[in-house]
Amino acid sequence: MTQGIFFKNLRYFLLLPLILTLASCSESDGDSTNFIPSTELTLNAAINDTIPSYGTKVYRFKTIDAGNYTISLTNQATDLGWALLSYDPADTYLNQLADNIVDIINGDIYLDTTDEVYTIALQSDKYYYVIVDEYDDIGSSSYTLQILY
């Protein structure tokens, strides 16, 4: 039991450098609303995607109103998790994204293929990034990602 908790907590520390590395890849491309390469998500619409072993995918969505939003990562074949970051218009470099971590714990509760679903209160009319990571060396995985409001 203690060993499982140790490895689970270790994953959180491993995720932060990945976010910092991803965020420091390059400077802003001049688009004030999307400074990191990402796939746009439509609220309440599911997206089906695949991710390679140890891969990372970045998605972006915009909230409508302040309230509870549910991030749902389901139907994965390997161990996946997500992190939630916010966009700050004052950011001019990608490495500043690491200052905007909203949640890196609740999107990776399980050490297996159990669905990672969590509801969180978010601000209105704001862009957020969901970063999906694959943790196994088993191979690629398909999955479904949905932001519900």
C-alpha atoms as a PDB file:
ATOM      1  CA  MET A   1       0.000   0.000   0.000  1.00  0.00           C
ATOM      2  CA  THR A   2       2.742   2.482   0.946  1.00  0.00           C
ATOM      3  CA  GLN A   3       4.728   1.651  -2.182  1.00  0.00           C
ATOM      4  CA  GLY A   4       1.648   2.314  -4.361  1.00  0.00           C
ATOM      5  CA  ILE A   5       1.118   5.712  -2.745  1.00  0.00           C
ATOM      6  CA  PHE A   6       4.815   6.529  -3.225  1.00  0.00           C
ATOM      7  CA  PHE A   7       4.680   5.746  -6.961  1.00  0.00           C
ATOM      8  CA  LYS A   8       1.384   7.600  -7.385  1.00  0.00           C
ATOM      9  CA  ASN A   9       2.834  10.742  -5.750  1.00  0.00           C
ATOM     10  CA  LEU A  10       6.016  10.363  -7.782  1.00  0.00           C
ATOM     11  CA  ARG A  11       3.918  10.707 -10.952  1.00  0.00           C
ATOM     12  CA  TYR A  12       2.806  14.194  -9.877  1.00  0.00           C
ATOM     13  CA  PHE A  13       6.416  15.300  -9.542  1.00  0.00           C
ATOM     14  CA  LEU A  14       7.202  13.806 -12.943  1.00  0.00           C
ATOM     15  CA  LEU A  15       4.256  15.604 -14.565  1.00  0.00           C
ATOM     16  CA  LEU A  16       5.388  19.091 -13.546  1.00  0.00           C
ATOM     17  CA  PRO A  17       8.737  18.941 -15.417  1.00  0.00           C
ATOM     18  CA  LEU A  18       6.850  17.655 -18.460  1.00  0.00           C
ATOM     19  CA  ILE A  19       4.567  20.695 -18.332  1.00  0.00           C
ATOM     20  CA  LEU A  20       7.557  22.999 -17.882  1.00  0.00           C
ATOM     21  CA  THR A  21       9.352  21.371 -20.819  1.00  0.00           C
ATOM     22  CA  LEU A  22       6.257  21.564 -22.999  1.00  0.00           C
ATOM     23  CA  ALA A  23       5.743  25.181 -22.039  1.00  0.00           C
ATOM     24  CA  SER A  24       9.313  26.212 -22.785  1.00  0.00           C
ATOM     25  CA  CYS A  25       9.444  24.914 -26.363  1.00  0.00           C
ATOM     26  CA  SER A  26       9.178  28.309 -28.069  1.00  0.00           C
ATOM     27  CA  GLU A  27       7.983  31.875 -27.783  1.00  0.00           C
ATOM     28  CA  SER A  28       4.497  33.112 -28.590  1.00  0.00           C
ATOM     29  CA  ASP A  29       3.531  32.998 -32.253  1.00  0.00           C
ATOM     30  CA  GLY A  30       1.645  36.296 -31.934  1.00  0.00           C
ATOM     31  CA  ASP A  31      -1.820  34.770 -31.484  1.00  0.00           C
ATOM     32  CA  SER A  32      -2.970  36.303 -28.225  1.00  0.00           C
ATOM     33  CA  THR A  33      -5.519  33.554 -27.563  1.00  0.00           C
ATOM     34  CA  ASN A  34      -3.576  30.412 -28.493  1.00  0.00           C
ATOM     35  CA  PHE A  35       0.145  30.556 -27.822  1.00  0.00           C
ATOM     36  CA  ILE A  36       0.640  26.806 -27.544  1.00  0.00           C
ATOM     37  CA  PRO A  37      -0.076  24.261 -30.282  1.00  0.00           C
ATOM     38  CA  SER A  38      -3.299  22.573 -29.249  1.00  0.00           C
ATOM     39  CA  THR A  39      -6.515  20.995 -30.459  1.00  0.00           C
ATOM     40  CA  GLU A  40      -9.666  23.028 -29.863  1.00  0.00           C
ATOM     41  CA  LEU A  41     -12.397  21.340 -27.814  1.00  0.00           C
ATOM     42  CA  THR A  42     -16.079  22.177 -28.069  1.00  0.00           C
ATOM     43  CA  LEU A  43     -17.884  22.116 -24.739  1.00  0.00           C
ATOM     44  CA  ASN A  44     -20.147  19.062 -24.284  1.00  0.00           C
ATOM     45  CA  ALA A  45     -18.793  17.386 -27.434  1.00  0.00           C
ATOM     46  CA  ALA A  46     -16.653  14.262 -27.112  1.00  0.00           C
ATOM     47  CA  ILE A  47     -13.418  13.940 -29.046  1.00  0.00           C
ATOM     48  CA  ASN A  48     -11.893  10.545 -29.797  1.00  0.00           C
ATOM     49  CA  ASP A  49      -8.124  10.497 -30.156  1.00  0.00           C
ATOM     50  CA  THR A  50      -5.051   8.308 -29.806  1.00  0.00           C
ATOM     51  CA  ILE A  51      -1.797   8.871 -27.961  1.00  0.00           C
ATOM     52  CA  PRO A  52       1.522   7.027 -28.268  1.00  0.00           C
ATOM     53  CA  SER A  53       3.310   5.365 -25.376  1.00  0.00           C
ATOM     54  CA  TYR A  54       4.607   8.111 -23.040  1.00  0.00           C
ATOM     55  CA  GLY A  55       2.953  10.673 -25.334  1.00  0.00           C
ATOM     56  CA  THR A  56       1.441  14.066 -24.581  1.00  0.00           C
ATOM     57  CA  LYS A  57      -1.519  15.787 -26.261  1.00  0.00           C
ATOM     58  CA  VAL A  58      -2.677  19.355 -25.609  1.00  0.00           C
ATOM     59  CA  TYR A  59      -6.274  20.581 -25.899  1.00  0.00           C
ATOM     60  CA  ARG A  60      -7.856  23.980 -25.360  1.00  0.00           C
ATOM     61  CA  PHE A  61     -11.395  25.044 -24.491  1.00  0.00           C
ATOM     62  CA  LYS A  62     -13.159  28.242 -23.478  1.00  0.00           C
ATOM     63  CA  THR A  63     -15.664  28.451 -20.665  1.00  0.00           C
ATOM     64  CA  ILE A  64     -19.008  30.160 -21.151  1.00  0.00           C
ATOM     65  CA  ASP A  65     -20.113  30.998 -17.634  1.00  0.00           C
ATOM     66  CA  ALA A  66     -18.576  30.564 -14.214  1.00  0.00           C
ATOM     67  CA  GLY A  67     -19.566  27.217 -12.806  1.00  0.00           C
ATOM     68  CA  ASN A  68     -18.792  23.544 -12.563  1.00  0.00           C
ATOM     69  CA  TYR A  69     -17.168  21.872 -15.553  1.00  0.00           C
ATOM     70  CA  THR A  70     -16.521  18.133 -15.731  1.00  0.00           C
ATOM     71  CA  ILE A  71     -13.364  16.894 -17.435  1.00  0.00           C
ATOM     72  CA  SER A  72     -13.930  13.338 -18.589  1.00  0.00           C
ATOM     73  CA  LEU A  73     -11.125  11.114 -19.905  1.00  0.00           C
ATOM     74  CA  THR A  74     -12.626   7.712 -20.701  1.00  0.00           C
ATOM     75  CA  ASN A  75     -12.302   4.553 -22.817  1.00  0.00           C
ATOM     76  CA  GLN A  76      -8.509   4.440 -22.546  1.00  0.00           C
ATOM     77  CA  ALA A  77      -6.592   1.249 -23.261  1.00  0.00           C
ATOM     78  CA  THR A  78      -3.569   2.225 -21.122  1.00  0.00           C
ATOM     79  CA  ASP A  79      -2.963   4.405 -18.070  1.00  0.00           C
ATOM     80  CA  LEU A  80      -3.738   8.018 -19.010  1.00  0.00           C
ATOM     81  CA  GLY A  81      -4.107  11.169 -16.963  1.00  0.00           C
ATOM     82  CA  TRP A  82      -4.815  14.845 -17.519  1.00  0.00           C
ATOM     83  CA  ALA A  83      -3.689  18.186 -16.092  1.00  0.00           C
ATOM     84  CA  LEU A  84      -5.624  21.453 -16.283  1.00  0.00           C
ATOM     85  CA  LEU A  85      -3.944  24.819 -16.868  1.00  0.00           C
ATOM     86  CA  SER A  86      -5.388  28.266 -17.473  1.00  0.00           C
ATOM     87  CA  TYR A  87      -4.477  30.847 -20.097  1.00  0.00           C
ATOM     88  CA  ASP A  88      -3.350  34.279 -18.914  1.00  0.00           C
ATOM     89  CA  PRO A  89      -3.385  37.055 -21.558  1.00  0.00           C
ATOM     90  CA  ALA A  90      -0.358  38.636 -19.851  1.00  0.00           C
ATOM     91  CA  ASP A  91       1.736  35.596 -20.798  1.00  0.00           C
ATOM     92  CA  THR A  92       4.075  36.314 -23.671  1.00  0.00           C
ATOM     93  CA  TYR A  93       6.201  33.142 -23.527  1.00  0.00           C
ATOM     94  CA  LEU A  94       5.184  29.509 -23.402  1.00  0.00           C
ATOM     95  CA  ASN A  95       7.213  28.864 -20.259  1.00  0.00           C
ATOM     96  CA  GLN A  96       4.802  31.121 -18.359  1.00  0.00           C
ATOM     97  CA  LEU A  97       2.074  28.515 -18.795  1.00  0.00           C
ATOM     98  CA  ALA A  98       3.576  26.553 -15.890  1.00  0.00           C
ATOM     99  CA  ASP A  99       2.525  29.418 -13.597  1.00  0.00           C
ATOM    100  CA  ASN A 100      -1.099  28.714 -14.458  1.00  0.00           C
ATOM    101  CA  ILE A 101      -1.608  25.180 -13.127  1.00  0.00           C
ATOM    102  CA  VAL A 102      -5.198  24.740 -12.023  1.00  0.00           C
ATOM    103  CA  ASP A 103      -5.201  20.994 -11.261  1.00  0.00           C
ATOM    104  CA  ILE A 104      -2.541  18.302 -11.734  1.00  0.00           C
ATOM    105  CA  ILE A 105      -3.830  15.815  -9.158  1.00  0.00           C
ATOM    106  CA  ASN A 106      -7.497  15.029  -9.809  1.00  0.00           C
ATOM    107  CA  GLY A 107      -6.987  14.052 -13.448  1.00  0.00           C
ATOM    108  CA  ASP A 108      -4.715  11.169 -12.533  1.00  0.00           C
ATOM    109  CA  ILE A 109      -6.231   9.385  -9.569  1.00  0.00           C
ATOM    110  CA  TYR A 110      -5.996   5.823 -10.896  1.00  0.00           C
ATOM    111  CA  LEU A 111      -2.936   3.747 -11.840  1.00  0.00           C
ATOM    112  CA  ASP A 112      -4.819   1.775 -14.477  1.00  0.00           C
ATOM    113  CA  THR A 113      -7.362   2.278 -17.266  1.00  0.00           C
ATOM    114  CA  THR A 114     -10.105   3.507 -14.930  1.00  0.00           C
ATOM    115  CA  ASP A 115     -11.892   6.602 -16.285  1.00  0.00           C
ATOM    116  CA  GLU A 116     -10.410   9.876 -15.012  1.00  0.00           C
ATOM    117  CA  VAL A 117     -13.432  12.134 -14.405  1.00  0.00           C
ATOM    118  CA  TYR A 118     -13.489  15.197 -12.176  1.00  0.00           C
ATOM    119  CA  THR A 119     -15.736  18.240 -11.758  1.00  0.00           C
ATOM    120  CA  ILE A 120     -14.115  21.584 -11.012  1.00  0.00           C
ATOM    121  CA  ALA A 121     -15.374  25.164 -10.653  1.00  0.00           C
ATOM    122  CA  LEU A 122     -13.965  27.401 -13.404  1.00  0.00           C
ATOM    123  CA  GLN A 123     -14.166  31.102 -14.224  1.00  0.00           C
ATOM    124  CA  SER A 124     -16.348  32.501 -16.995  1.00  0.00           C
ATOM    125  CA  ASP A 125     -15.162  33.417 -20.490  1.00  0.00           C
ATOM    126  CA  LYS A 126     -11.648  32.025 -19.983  1.00  0.00           C
ATOM    127  CA  TYR A 127      -9.403  29.693 -21.966  1.00  0.00           C
ATOM    128  CA  TYR A 128      -8.099  26.526 -20.324  1.00  0.00           C
ATOM    129  CA  TYR A 129      -5.684  23.838 -21.497  1.00  0.00           C
ATOM    130  CA  VAL A 130      -6.071  20.124 -20.818  1.00  0.00           C
ATOM    131  CA  ILE A 131      -2.854  18.155 -21.186  1.00  0.00           C
ATOM    132  CA  VAL A 132      -3.315  14.395 -21.603  1.00  0.00           C
ATOM    133  CA  ASP A 133      -0.355  12.130 -20.821  1.00  0.00           C
ATOM    134  CA  GLU A 134       0.222   8.405 -21.337  1.00  0.00           C
ATOM    135  CA  TYR A 135       2.248   6.721 -18.590  1.00  0.00           C
ATOM    136  CA  ASP A 136       2.679   3.086 -19.667  1.00  0.00           C
ATOM    137  CA  ASP A 137       5.239   1.447 -21.878  1.00  0.00           C
ATOM    138  CA  ILE A 138       2.530  -0.888 -23.153  1.00  0.00           C
ATOM    139  CA  GLY A 139       1.871   0.982 -26.385  1.00  0.00           C
ATOM    140  CA  SER A 140      -0.458   3.593 -27.776  1.00  0.00           C
ATOM    141  CA  SER A 141      -3.961   4.155 -26.488  1.00  0.00           C
ATOM    142  CA  SER A 142      -7.210   5.448 -27.876  1.00  0.00           C
ATOM    143  CA  TYR A 143      -9.414   7.529 -25.565  1.00  0.00           C
ATOM    144  CA  THR A 144     -12.378   9.879 -25.360  1.00  0.00           C
ATOM    145  CA  LEU A 145     -12.037  13.374 -23.922  1.00  0.00           C
ATOM    146  CA  GLN A 146     -15.018  15.559 -23.093  1.00  0.00           C
ATOM    147  CA  ILE A 147     -15.558  18.814 -21.204  1.00  0.00           C
ATOM    148  CA  LEU A 148     -19.103  18.984 -19.873  1.00  0.00           C
ATOM    149  CA  TYR A 149     -20.885  22.108 -18.690  1.00  0.00           C
END
